[in-house]
Protein backbone atom coordinates (compact mmCIF):
# COMPACT_ATOMS: atom_id res chain seq x y z
CA MET A 1 39.76 -19.85 83.90
CA GLU A 2 38.84 -22.93 81.88
CA LEU A 3 35.67 -24.62 82.17
CA GLN A 4 35.81 -28.51 82.44
CA LEU A 5 32.62 -29.80 81.08
CA GLU A 6 31.40 -33.63 80.63
CA LYS A 7 28.45 -32.80 78.53
CA PRO A 8 27.96 -30.85 75.45
CA TRP A 9 27.39 -27.04 76.01
CA LYS A 10 24.01 -27.22 74.49
CA LEU A 11 22.92 -29.60 77.19
CA VAL A 12 24.54 -27.56 80.03
CA LYS A 13 23.03 -24.50 78.74
CA GLU A 14 19.65 -25.91 79.10
CA LYS A 15 20.31 -27.14 82.65
CA LEU A 16 21.41 -23.75 83.37
CA LYS A 17 18.24 -22.14 82.46
CA GLU A 18 16.20 -24.94 84.17
CA HIS A 19 17.86 -23.74 87.49
CA ASP A 20 17.74 -20.03 86.91
CA SER A 21 15.08 -18.93 84.79
CA LYS A 22 16.46 -15.21 84.48
CA LEU A 23 19.41 -16.56 82.48
CA THR A 24 18.74 -15.74 78.60
CA ASP A 25 20.35 -17.37 75.46
CA ASP A 26 22.33 -14.09 74.88
CA ASP A 27 23.60 -14.52 78.66
CA LEU A 28 24.70 -18.08 77.95
CA ASN A 29 26.37 -17.42 74.74
CA TYR A 30 29.51 -19.43 74.71
CA GLU A 31 32.44 -20.00 72.28
CA LYS A 32 35.23 -22.36 73.12
CA GLY A 33 38.19 -20.62 74.32
CA LYS A 34 36.11 -17.63 75.78
CA ASP A 35 35.34 -19.19 79.01
CA ASP A 36 36.28 -15.89 80.91
CA GLU A 37 33.92 -13.93 78.73
CA LEU A 38 30.85 -16.40 79.86
CA LEU A 39 32.09 -16.48 83.50
CA GLU A 40 32.52 -12.61 83.75
CA ARG A 41 29.12 -12.02 82.07
CA LEU A 42 27.23 -14.75 84.40
CA SER A 43 29.11 -13.57 87.40
CA LYS A 44 27.75 -9.97 86.78
CA LYS A 45 24.18 -10.93 86.20
CA MET A 46 24.00 -13.49 88.94
CA ASN A 47 26.05 -11.19 91.48
CA ARG A 48 28.27 -14.29 92.33
CA PRO A 49 32.05 -14.66 92.00
CA LYS A 50 33.51 -16.14 88.91
CA GLN A 51 34.78 -19.10 90.80
CA ASP A 52 31.32 -19.89 92.20
CA VAL A 53 29.51 -19.62 88.72
CA LYS A 54 32.46 -22.04 87.16
CA GLU A 55 31.79 -24.67 89.86
CA TRP A 56 28.15 -24.36 89.47
CA ILE A 57 28.28 -24.80 85.68
CA GLU A 58 30.55 -27.56 86.16
CA SER A 59 28.77 -29.40 88.76
CA LEU A 60 25.60 -29.41 86.41
CA SER A 61 27.91 -30.69 83.57
CA PHE A 62 28.73 -33.76 85.45
CA ASN A 63 25.47 -34.52 87.31
CA ASP A 64 22.24 -35.61 85.63
């Protein structure tokens, strides 16, 4: 499952933290090509399906 991001990860990461204050830098540690690891980690932490987490991240990336 590959993330489609419009903005750099650093900016997306800050938006994610603004929207969910429970997320930490460790939770949001992301390396290019390891999208599944990130999505799996966030899915467990947020108790949401991976697809929902992926769509949420992408929507924050494309919107201001």
